[in-house]
Amino acid sequence: MKNKKTLIFIVQSGLIAAVYVALTFVSALAGLASDAIQVRLSEALCVLPYFTPAAIPGLFIGCAMANLLTACAPLDILFGSLATLLGALGAYLIGRYAKKCNGKNVLFLKLLIPIPNLVANIIIVPWVLRLVYGDTAAIWFLSLTVGIGELIACVGLGLILLFALEKRAYQIFR
């Protein structure tokens, strides 16, 4: 039984990583995957830790692979992936707490699921843009532009994904 659970965990992580990479490529083709203004469709997946802890390594590995395959600088691969990892851990913790609340404030807590990813990216990515890529814009401005992109992808698309998957979560994430 333990081997089956481990296998399911690995498969789910791998699938999430693959979908993250694929969605990042779609965003890259549209010119939205990097620079100061980023709307990575893959960031909508930041809500998946609500459903399964397998999403934590899946999102981290997916982000690292996407950054590597889209020719990001090594420090961007590292710190961008760490931002995603921190966001995924935060989403997972909020999700665990929400599931223990038994209906009390659950909707409010679900709305908070993408916030850790939003915050991690607003704090980390502007410094990557400045220190790694030499962007000369003010950090507050880079935080604003990254934040707008994350609001669209993480919060907007992410919450749509969360509520759409919730109806079939047991079948999908067992």
N, C-alpha and C. Protein backbone atom coordinates (compact mmCIF):
# COMPACT_ATOMS: atom_id res chain seq x y z
N MET A 1 0.83 -1.20 0.00
CA MET A 1 0.00 0.00 0.00
C MET A 1 0.87 1.26 0.00
N LYS A 2 1.94 1.26 0.80
CA LYS A 2 2.83 2.41 0.86
C LYS A 2 3.49 2.67 -0.50
N ASN A 3 3.89 1.59 -1.18
CA ASN A 3 4.51 1.75 -2.50
C ASN A 3 3.53 2.36 -3.50
N LYS A 4 2.27 1.98 -3.42
CA LYS A 4 1.25 2.52 -4.32
C LYS A 4 1.06 4.02 -4.07
N LYS A 5 1.03 4.42 -2.79
CA LYS A 5 0.88 5.84 -2.45
C LYS A 5 2.10 6.64 -2.93
N THR A 6 3.28 6.05 -2.76
CA THR A 6 4.50 6.72 -3.20
C THR A 6 4.49 6.88 -4.71
N LEU A 7 4.08 5.85 -5.42
CA LEU A 7 4.01 5.91 -6.88
C LEU A 7 3.02 6.97 -7.34
N ILE A 8 1.86 7.03 -6.70
CA ILE A 8 0.84 8.04 -7.05
C ILE A 8 1.40 9.44 -6.80
N PHE A 9 2.10 9.62 -5.68
CA PHE A 9 2.71 10.91 -5.35
C PHE A 9 3.70 11.33 -6.43
N ILE A 10 4.57 10.41 -6.84
CA ILE A 10 5.58 10.71 -7.86
C ILE A 10 4.93 11.02 -9.20
N VAL A 11 3.94 10.23 -9.58
CA VAL A 11 3.25 10.46 -10.86
C VAL A 11 2.54 11.81 -10.84
N GLN A 12 1.83 12.12 -9.76
CA GLN A 12 1.15 13.41 -9.68
C GLN A 12 2.15 14.56 -9.75
N SER A 13 3.25 14.44 -9.03
CA SER A 13 4.29 15.49 -9.06
C SER A 13 4.81 15.68 -10.48
N GLY A 14 5.10 14.57 -11.13
CA GLY A 14 5.62 14.65 -12.50
C GLY A 14 4.63 15.25 -13.48
N LEU A 15 3.37 14.89 -13.35
CA LEU A 15 2.35 15.45 -14.23
C LEU A 15 2.18 16.95 -14.00
N ILE A 16 2.19 17.34 -12.74
CA ILE A 16 2.07 18.77 -12.43
C ILE A 16 3.27 19.54 -12.97
N ALA A 17 4.46 18.98 -12.82
CA ALA A 17 5.67 19.61 -13.36
C ALA A 17 5.57 19.75 -14.88
N ALA A 18 5.11 18.70 -15.55
CA ALA A 18 4.99 18.72 -17.01
C ALA A 18 3.97 19.75 -17.48
N VAL A 19 2.84 19.83 -16.78
CA VAL A 19 1.82 20.82 -17.15
C VAL A 19 2.34 22.23 -16.91
N TYR A 20 3.09 22.42 -15.81
CA TYR A 20 3.68 23.73 -15.53
C TYR A 20 4.60 24.15 -16.68
N VAL A 21 5.46 23.23 -17.11
CA VAL A 21 6.38 23.54 -18.21
C VAL A 21 5.61 23.87 -19.48
N ALA A 22 4.62 23.05 -19.81
CA ALA A 22 3.84 23.26 -21.04
C ALA A 22 3.14 24.62 -21.01
N LEU A 23 2.52 24.96 -19.88
CA LEU A 23 1.83 26.24 -19.78
C LEU A 23 2.80 27.42 -19.82
N THR A 24 4.00 27.22 -19.30
CA THR A 24 5.01 28.28 -19.37
C THR A 24 5.43 28.50 -20.82
N PHE A 25 5.55 27.41 -21.58
CA PHE A 25 5.87 27.56 -23.01
C PHE A 25 4.78 28.32 -23.75
N VAL A 26 3.53 28.05 -23.42
CA VAL A 26 2.42 28.79 -24.04
C VAL A 26 2.57 30.28 -23.72
N SER A 27 2.87 30.58 -22.47
CA SER A 27 3.07 31.97 -22.06
C SER A 27 4.27 32.59 -22.77
N ALA A 28 5.35 31.79 -22.91
CA ALA A 28 6.55 32.29 -23.59
C ALA A 28 6.27 32.61 -25.05
N LEU A 29 5.49 31.76 -25.70
CA LEU A 29 5.12 32.02 -27.09
C LEU A 29 4.35 33.33 -27.24
N ALA A 30 3.60 33.68 -26.19
CA ALA A 30 2.85 34.93 -26.20
C ALA A 30 3.68 36.10 -25.68
N GLY A 31 4.95 35.83 -25.30
CA GLY A 31 5.82 36.88 -24.79
C GLY A 31 5.51 37.29 -23.36
N LEU A 32 4.88 36.40 -22.60
CA LEU A 32 4.46 36.75 -21.24
C LEU A 32 5.18 35.98 -20.14
N ALA A 33 6.19 35.18 -20.46
CA ALA A 33 6.78 34.29 -19.47
C ALA A 33 7.91 34.91 -18.66
N SER A 34 8.47 36.03 -19.10
CA SER A 34 9.60 36.60 -18.37
C SER A 34 9.59 38.12 -18.52
N ASP A 35 10.61 38.75 -18.00
CA ASP A 35 10.77 40.20 -17.96
C ASP A 35 9.92 40.81 -16.83
N ALA A 36 9.81 42.12 -16.82
CA ALA A 36 9.14 42.81 -15.72
C ALA A 36 7.64 42.51 -15.68
N ILE A 37 7.04 42.35 -16.85
CA ILE A 37 5.62 42.02 -16.90
C ILE A 37 5.50 40.55 -17.27
N GLN A 38 5.03 39.76 -16.32
CA GLN A 38 4.92 38.31 -16.50
C GLN A 38 3.51 37.86 -16.19
N VAL A 39 2.91 37.15 -17.11
CA VAL A 39 1.64 36.50 -16.84
C VAL A 39 1.81 35.05 -17.29
N ARG A 40 2.45 34.27 -16.43
CA ARG A 40 2.64 32.87 -16.74
C ARG A 40 1.36 32.12 -16.43
N LEU A 41 0.77 31.52 -17.44
CA LEU A 41 -0.44 30.74 -17.23
C LEU A 41 -0.17 29.61 -16.24
N SER A 42 1.05 29.13 -16.21
CA SER A 42 1.43 28.05 -15.31
C SER A 42 1.28 28.43 -13.84
N GLU A 43 1.31 29.70 -13.54
CA GLU A 43 1.18 30.14 -12.15
C GLU A 43 -0.23 29.89 -11.60
N ALA A 44 -1.18 29.64 -12.48
CA ALA A 44 -2.53 29.27 -12.01
C ALA A 44 -2.48 27.95 -11.24
N LEU A 45 -1.48 27.14 -11.52
CA LEU A 45 -1.35 25.84 -10.84
C LEU A 45 -0.94 25.99 -9.38
N CYS A 46 -0.65 27.20 -8.94
CA CYS A 46 -0.22 27.42 -7.56
C CYS A 46 -1.29 27.02 -6.54
N VAL A 47 -2.51 26.79 -6.98
CA VAL A 47 -3.57 26.36 -6.07
C VAL A 47 -3.58 24.85 -5.85
N LEU A 48 -2.84 24.11 -6.63
CA LEU A 48 -2.88 22.64 -6.54
C LEU A 48 -2.43 22.06 -5.19
N PRO A 49 -1.55 22.73 -4.43
CA PRO A 49 -1.23 22.17 -3.11
C PRO A 49 -2.44 22.07 -2.18
N TYR A 50 -3.50 22.77 -2.48
CA TYR A 50 -4.74 22.63 -1.72
C TYR A 50 -5.27 21.20 -1.84
N PHE A 51 -5.07 20.60 -3.00
CA PHE A 51 -5.62 19.28 -3.27
C PHE A 51 -4.65 18.14 -2.96
N THR A 52 -3.36 18.37 -3.16
CA THR A 52 -2.39 17.30 -2.97
C THR A 52 -1.02 17.87 -2.61
N PRO A 53 -0.34 17.26 -1.63
CA PRO A 53 1.02 17.69 -1.33
C PRO A 53 1.99 17.38 -2.46
N ALA A 54 1.62 16.50 -3.38
CA ALA A 54 2.47 16.20 -4.54
C ALA A 54 2.68 17.43 -5.42
N ALA A 55 1.80 18.42 -5.28
CA ALA A 55 1.95 19.64 -6.06
C ALA A 55 3.16 20.46 -5.61
N ILE A 56 3.59 20.30 -4.38
CA ILE A 56 4.72 21.09 -3.88
C ILE A 56 5.99 20.79 -4.69
N PRO A 57 6.46 19.54 -4.73
CA PRO A 57 7.64 19.27 -5.57
C PRO A 57 7.31 19.43 -7.06
N GLY A 58 6.08 19.14 -7.46
CA GLY A 58 5.71 19.28 -8.86
C GLY A 58 5.84 20.71 -9.36
N LEU A 59 5.36 21.65 -8.58
CA LEU A 59 5.47 23.06 -8.95
C LEU A 59 6.92 23.53 -8.92
N PHE A 60 7.66 23.12 -7.90
CA PHE A 60 9.07 23.51 -7.79
C PHE A 60 9.88 22.99 -8.98
N ILE A 61 9.74 21.71 -9.27
CA ILE A 61 10.48 21.10 -10.38
C ILE A 61 9.99 21.67 -11.72
N GLY A 62 8.69 21.85 -11.85
CA GLY A 62 8.15 22.42 -13.07
C GLY A 62 8.67 23.82 -13.33
N CYS A 63 8.73 24.63 -12.30
CA CYS A 63 9.25 25.99 -12.44
C CYS A 63 10.73 25.97 -12.80
N ALA A 64 11.50 25.12 -12.12
CA ALA A 64 12.93 25.02 -12.42
C ALA A 64 13.15 24.57 -13.87
N MET A 65 12.41 23.55 -14.28
CA MET A 65 12.55 23.06 -15.66
C MET A 65 12.11 24.11 -16.68
N ALA A 66 11.00 24.78 -16.40
CA ALA A 66 10.51 25.81 -17.32
C ALA A 66 11.54 26.94 -17.45
N ASN A 67 12.10 27.37 -16.32
CA ASN A 67 13.10 28.43 -16.36
C ASN A 67 14.36 27.97 -17.09
N LEU A 68 14.76 26.75 -16.88
CA LEU A 68 15.92 26.20 -17.56
C LEU A 68 15.68 26.12 -19.07
N LEU A 69 14.51 25.61 -19.46
CA LEU A 69 14.20 25.41 -20.87
C LEU A 69 13.87 26.70 -21.62
N THR A 70 13.55 27.76 -20.88
CA THR A 70 13.31 29.05 -21.53
C THR A 70 14.54 29.96 -21.41
N ALA A 71 15.69 29.35 -21.13
CA ALA A 71 17.00 30.01 -21.12
C ALA A 71 17.12 31.14 -20.10
N CYS A 72 16.57 30.93 -18.93
CA CYS A 72 16.74 31.90 -17.85
C CYS A 72 18.15 31.76 -17.28
N ALA A 73 18.61 32.80 -16.64
CA ALA A 73 19.92 32.78 -15.99
C ALA A 73 19.89 31.80 -14.82
N PRO A 74 21.03 31.19 -14.48
CA PRO A 74 21.06 30.21 -13.39
C PRO A 74 20.49 30.72 -12.06
N LEU A 75 20.80 31.97 -11.69
CA LEU A 75 20.26 32.50 -10.44
C LEU A 75 18.75 32.70 -10.52
N ASP A 76 18.23 32.97 -11.70
CA ASP A 76 16.79 33.07 -11.90
C ASP A 76 16.15 31.70 -11.74
N ILE A 77 16.79 30.70 -12.29
CA ILE A 77 16.28 29.33 -12.14
C ILE A 77 16.19 28.98 -10.66
N LEU A 78 17.24 29.29 -9.92
CA LEU A 78 17.28 28.98 -8.49
C LEU A 78 16.24 29.79 -7.70
N PHE A 79 16.31 31.11 -7.79
CA PHE A 79 15.46 31.94 -6.94
C PHE A 79 14.01 31.98 -7.41
N GLY A 80 13.78 31.92 -8.71
CA GLY A 80 12.41 31.84 -9.20
C GLY A 80 11.73 30.56 -8.74
N SER A 81 12.47 29.46 -8.77
CA SER A 81 11.93 28.17 -8.31
C SER A 81 11.72 28.17 -6.81
N LEU A 82 12.62 28.81 -6.07
CA LEU A 82 12.44 28.91 -4.62
C LEU A 82 11.21 29.74 -4.27
N ALA A 83 10.93 30.79 -5.05
CA ALA A 83 9.72 31.58 -4.83
C ALA A 83 8.49 30.70 -5.01
N THR A 84 8.51 29.88 -6.05
CA THR A 84 7.39 28.97 -6.30
C THR A 84 7.27 27.93 -5.19
N LEU A 85 8.40 27.42 -4.72
CA LEU A 85 8.39 26.45 -3.62
C LEU A 85 7.80 27.06 -2.35
N LEU A 86 8.21 28.26 -2.02
CA LEU A 86 7.67 28.94 -0.83
C LEU A 86 6.17 29.17 -0.98
N GLY A 87 5.75 29.59 -2.16
CA GLY A 87 4.32 29.80 -2.41
C GLY A 87 3.53 28.51 -2.30
N ALA A 88 4.09 27.41 -2.83
CA ALA A 88 3.42 26.11 -2.77
C ALA A 88 3.29 25.62 -1.33
N LEU A 89 4.34 25.80 -0.56
CA LEU A 89 4.29 25.40 0.86
C LEU A 89 3.23 26.21 1.61
N GLY A 90 3.18 27.50 1.35
CA GLY A 90 2.17 28.35 1.99
C GLY A 90 0.76 27.96 1.60
N ALA A 91 0.55 27.68 0.32
CA ALA A 91 -0.77 27.25 -0.17
C ALA A 91 -1.18 25.94 0.49
N TYR A 92 -0.25 25.02 0.61
CA TYR A 92 -0.53 23.73 1.24
C TYR A 92 -0.94 23.92 2.70
N LEU A 93 -0.22 24.77 3.43
CA LEU A 93 -0.54 24.99 4.84
C LEU A 93 -1.89 25.65 5.02
N ILE A 94 -2.21 26.62 4.18
CA ILE A 94 -3.53 27.25 4.26
C ILE A 94 -4.61 26.23 3.93
N GLY A 95 -4.36 25.42 2.92
CA GLY A 95 -5.32 24.38 2.54
C GLY A 95 -5.56 23.38 3.65
N ARG A 96 -4.51 22.95 4.33
CA ARG A 96 -4.66 22.02 5.46
C ARG A 96 -5.51 22.64 6.56
N TYR A 97 -5.24 23.90 6.84
CA TYR A 97 -6.01 24.60 7.87
C TYR A 97 -7.47 24.73 7.45
N ALA A 98 -7.70 25.07 6.17
CA ALA A 98 -9.07 25.24 5.66
C ALA A 98 -9.85 23.94 5.79
N LYS A 99 -9.21 22.82 5.53
CA LYS A 99 -9.90 21.53 5.59
C LYS A 99 -10.25 21.14 7.03
N LYS A 100 -9.55 21.68 8.00
CA LYS A 100 -9.83 21.40 9.41
C LYS A 100 -10.94 22.28 9.97
N CYS A 101 -11.31 23.31 9.25
CA CYS A 101 -12.28 24.29 9.76
C CYS A 101 -13.73 23.83 9.67
N ASN A 102 -14.01 22.77 8.97
CA ASN A 102 -15.36 22.21 8.88
C ASN A 102 -16.42 23.26 8.52
N GLY A 103 -16.20 23.97 7.44
CA GLY A 103 -17.21 24.91 6.95
C GLY A 103 -17.09 26.32 7.48
N LYS A 104 -16.40 26.49 8.58
CA LYS A 104 -16.26 27.81 9.19
C LYS A 104 -15.13 28.59 8.50
N ASN A 105 -15.46 29.67 7.86
CA ASN A 105 -14.50 30.52 7.15
C ASN A 105 -13.76 29.81 6.02
N VAL A 106 -14.28 28.68 5.54
CA VAL A 106 -13.57 27.91 4.53
C VAL A 106 -13.48 28.68 3.21
N LEU A 107 -14.54 29.35 2.81
CA LEU A 107 -14.50 30.10 1.55
C LEU A 107 -13.42 31.18 1.62
N PHE A 108 -13.37 31.90 2.73
CA PHE A 108 -12.35 32.93 2.89
C PHE A 108 -10.95 32.32 2.80
N LEU A 109 -10.74 31.18 3.47
CA LEU A 109 -9.43 30.54 3.44
C LEU A 109 -9.08 30.04 2.04
N LYS A 110 -10.06 29.55 1.29
CA LYS A 110 -9.80 29.11 -0.08
C LYS A 110 -9.36 30.30 -0.94
N LEU A 111 -9.93 31.45 -0.69
CA LEU A 111 -9.54 32.64 -1.44
C LEU A 111 -8.10 33.05 -1.14
N LEU A 112 -7.58 32.61 0.00
CA LEU A 112 -6.20 32.93 0.38
C LEU A 112 -5.17 31.96 -0.21
N ILE A 113 -5.61 30.83 -0.77
CA ILE A 113 -4.69 29.80 -1.26
C ILE A 113 -3.61 30.37 -2.20
N PRO A 114 -3.92 31.22 -3.18
CA PRO A 114 -2.86 31.70 -4.07
C PRO A 114 -2.00 32.83 -3.50
N ILE A 115 -2.37 33.36 -2.35
CA ILE A 115 -1.66 34.53 -1.81
C ILE A 115 -0.19 34.26 -1.48
N PRO A 116 0.17 33.12 -0.88
CA PRO A 116 1.61 32.90 -0.62
C PRO A 116 2.47 32.95 -1.89
N ASN A 117 1.96 32.41 -2.98
CA ASN A 117 2.71 32.46 -4.24
C ASN A 117 2.82 33.90 -4.74
N LEU A 118 1.74 34.63 -4.65
CA LEU A 118 1.73 36.04 -5.04
C LEU A 118 2.79 36.80 -4.25
N VAL A 119 2.78 36.64 -2.94
CA VAL A 119 3.70 37.38 -2.07
C VAL A 119 5.15 36.96 -2.33
N ALA A 120 5.41 35.66 -2.43
CA ALA A 120 6.78 35.19 -2.67
C ALA A 120 7.33 35.77 -3.96
N ASN A 121 6.51 35.79 -5.00
CA ASN A 121 6.98 36.33 -6.29
C ASN A 121 7.15 37.83 -6.26
N ILE A 122 6.27 38.54 -5.56
CA ILE A 122 6.39 40.00 -5.45
C ILE A 122 7.68 40.39 -4.72
N ILE A 123 8.08 39.57 -3.76
CA ILE A 123 9.29 39.88 -2.98
C ILE A 123 10.56 39.44 -3.71
N ILE A 124 10.57 38.25 -4.28
CA ILE A 124 11.80 37.67 -4.83
C ILE A 124 12.07 38.07 -6.28
N VAL A 125 11.08 37.98 -7.15
CA VAL A 125 11.31 38.18 -8.59
C VAL A 125 11.84 39.59 -8.92
N PRO A 126 11.36 40.66 -8.31
CA PRO A 126 11.92 41.97 -8.65
C PRO A 126 13.43 42.06 -8.38
N TRP A 127 13.88 41.42 -7.31
CA TRP A 127 15.32 41.43 -7.02
C TRP A 127 16.09 40.60 -8.04
N VAL A 128 15.49 39.53 -8.51
CA VAL A 128 16.12 38.74 -9.58
C VAL A 128 16.22 39.59 -10.84
N LEU A 129 15.16 40.29 -11.17
CA LEU A 129 15.18 41.15 -12.36
C LEU A 129 16.25 42.22 -12.24
N ARG A 130 16.39 42.78 -11.06
CA ARG A 130 17.38 43.84 -10.84
C ARG A 130 18.80 43.29 -10.83
N LEU A 131 19.05 42.29 -9.96
CA LEU A 131 20.42 41.83 -9.74
C LEU A 131 20.94 40.87 -10.81
N VAL A 132 20.06 40.09 -11.38
CA VAL A 132 20.50 39.08 -12.37
C VAL A 132 20.44 39.64 -13.78
N TYR A 133 19.37 40.36 -14.09
CA TYR A 133 19.19 40.84 -15.47
C TYR A 133 19.50 42.32 -15.65
N GLY A 134 19.82 43.02 -14.57
CA GLY A 134 20.21 44.42 -14.65
C GLY A 134 19.08 45.38 -14.97
N ASP A 135 17.84 45.00 -14.65
CA ASP A 135 16.72 45.90 -14.87
C ASP A 135 16.91 47.13 -13.99
N THR A 136 16.76 48.29 -14.56
CA THR A 136 17.04 49.53 -13.81
C THR A 136 15.80 50.16 -13.19
N ALA A 137 14.65 49.55 -13.39
CA ALA A 137 13.42 50.09 -12.80
C ALA A 137 13.49 49.97 -11.28
N ALA A 138 12.75 50.81 -10.60
CA ALA A 138 12.70 50.78 -9.14
C ALA A 138 12.09 49.45 -8.68
N ILE A 139 12.57 48.96 -7.54
CA ILE A 139 12.07 47.69 -7.00
C ILE A 139 10.57 47.76 -6.78
N TRP A 140 10.06 48.88 -6.28
CA TRP A 140 8.62 48.98 -6.05
C TRP A 140 7.85 48.84 -7.36
N PHE A 141 8.41 49.39 -8.45
CA PHE A 141 7.74 49.29 -9.75
C PHE A 141 7.78 47.84 -10.26
N LEU A 142 8.92 47.19 -10.11
CA LEU A 142 9.03 45.79 -10.53
C LEU A 142 8.10 44.91 -9.69
N SER A 143 7.99 45.22 -8.40
CA SER A 143 7.05 44.48 -7.54
C SER A 143 5.62 44.68 -8.03
N LEU A 144 5.32 45.88 -8.43
CA LEU A 144 3.98 46.19 -8.94
C LEU A 144 3.70 45.42 -10.23
N THR A 145 4.64 45.44 -11.17
CA THR A 145 4.40 44.76 -12.44
C THR A 145 4.34 43.24 -12.27
N VAL A 146 5.24 42.71 -11.47
CA VAL A 146 5.20 41.27 -11.20
C VAL A 146 3.90 40.93 -10.46
N GLY A 147 3.53 41.77 -9.52
CA GLY A 147 2.30 41.55 -8.75
C GLY A 147 1.06 41.55 -9.63
N ILE A 148 1.00 42.44 -10.61
CA ILE A 148 -0.16 42.47 -11.51
C ILE A 148 -0.25 41.17 -12.30
N GLY A 149 0.89 40.73 -12.81
CA GLY A 149 0.90 39.46 -13.54
C GLY A 149 0.50 38.29 -12.68
N GLU A 150 0.97 38.27 -11.44
CA GLU A 150 0.63 37.20 -10.51
C GLU A 150 -0.84 37.28 -10.10
N LEU A 151 -1.37 38.49 -9.96
CA LEU A 151 -2.80 38.62 -9.65
C LEU A 151 -3.65 38.00 -10.76
N ILE A 152 -3.25 38.25 -12.00
CA ILE A 152 -4.00 37.69 -13.13
C ILE A 152 -3.88 36.17 -13.15
N ALA A 153 -2.64 35.67 -13.08
CA ALA A 153 -2.41 34.23 -13.23
C ALA A 153 -2.74 33.44 -11.97
N CYS A 154 -2.13 33.84 -10.86
CA CYS A 154 -2.31 33.07 -9.60
C CYS A 154 -3.69 33.24 -9.01
N VAL A 155 -4.07 34.47 -8.81
CA VAL A 155 -5.33 34.72 -8.11
C VAL A 155 -6.51 34.54 -9.07
N GLY A 156 -6.50 35.24 -10.18
CA GLY A 156 -7.62 35.15 -11.11
C GLY A 156 -7.80 33.76 -11.69
N LEU A 157 -6.83 33.32 -12.48
CA LEU A 157 -6.94 32.00 -13.11
C LEU A 157 -6.83 30.87 -12.08
N GLY A 158 -5.99 31.07 -11.07
CA GLY A 158 -5.80 30.04 -10.05
C GLY A 158 -7.08 29.73 -9.28
N LEU A 159 -7.81 30.77 -8.89
CA LEU A 159 -9.05 30.53 -8.16
C LEU A 159 -10.12 29.91 -9.05
N ILE A 160 -10.14 30.28 -10.32
CA ILE A 160 -11.06 29.63 -11.25
C ILE A 160 -10.72 28.14 -11.31
N LEU A 161 -9.44 27.82 -11.41
CA LEU A 161 -9.01 26.42 -11.44
C LEU A 161 -9.36 25.70 -10.15
N LEU A 162 -9.12 26.34 -9.01
CA LEU A 162 -9.42 25.72 -7.71
C LEU A 162 -10.89 25.33 -7.62
N PHE A 163 -11.78 26.25 -7.93
CA PHE A 163 -13.21 25.97 -7.80
C PHE A 163 -13.70 24.99 -8.87
N ALA A 164 -13.07 25.00 -10.03
CA ALA A 164 -13.45 24.05 -11.08
C ALA A 164 -13.01 22.63 -10.70
N LEU A 165 -11.82 22.49 -10.14
CA LEU A 165 -11.30 21.17 -9.77
C LEU A 165 -11.96 20.61 -8.52
N GLU A 166 -12.44 21.49 -7.68
CA GLU A 166 -12.99 21.06 -6.40
C GLU A 166 -14.12 20.05 -6.55
N LYS A 167 -14.90 20.17 -7.60
CA LYS A 167 -16.02 19.26 -7.80
C LYS A 167 -15.57 17.83 -8.06
N ARG A 168 -14.39 17.65 -8.64
CA ARG A 168 -13.88 16.33 -8.99
C ARG A 168 -12.54 16.03 -8.31
N ALA A 169 -12.21 16.75 -7.27
CA ALA A 169 -10.91 16.61 -6.63
C ALA A 169 -10.62 15.19 -6.17
N TYR A 170 -11.59 14.53 -5.62
CA TYR A 170 -11.36 13.16 -5.13
C TYR A 170 -10.97 12.24 -6.28
N GLN A 171 -11.61 12.38 -7.41
CA GLN A 171 -11.30 11.53 -8.56
C GLN A 171 -9.95 11.85 -9.16
N ILE A 172 -9.58 13.12 -9.16
CA ILE A 172 -8.34 13.54 -9.80
C ILE A 172 -7.14 13.32 -8.90
N PHE A 173 -7.25 13.66 -7.62
CA PHE A 173 -6.09 13.69 -6.73
C PHE A 173 -6.04 12.57 -5.70
N ARG A 174 -7.00 11.72 -5.63
CA ARG A 174 -7.08 10.60 -4.69
C ARG A 174 -6.06 10.66 -3.59
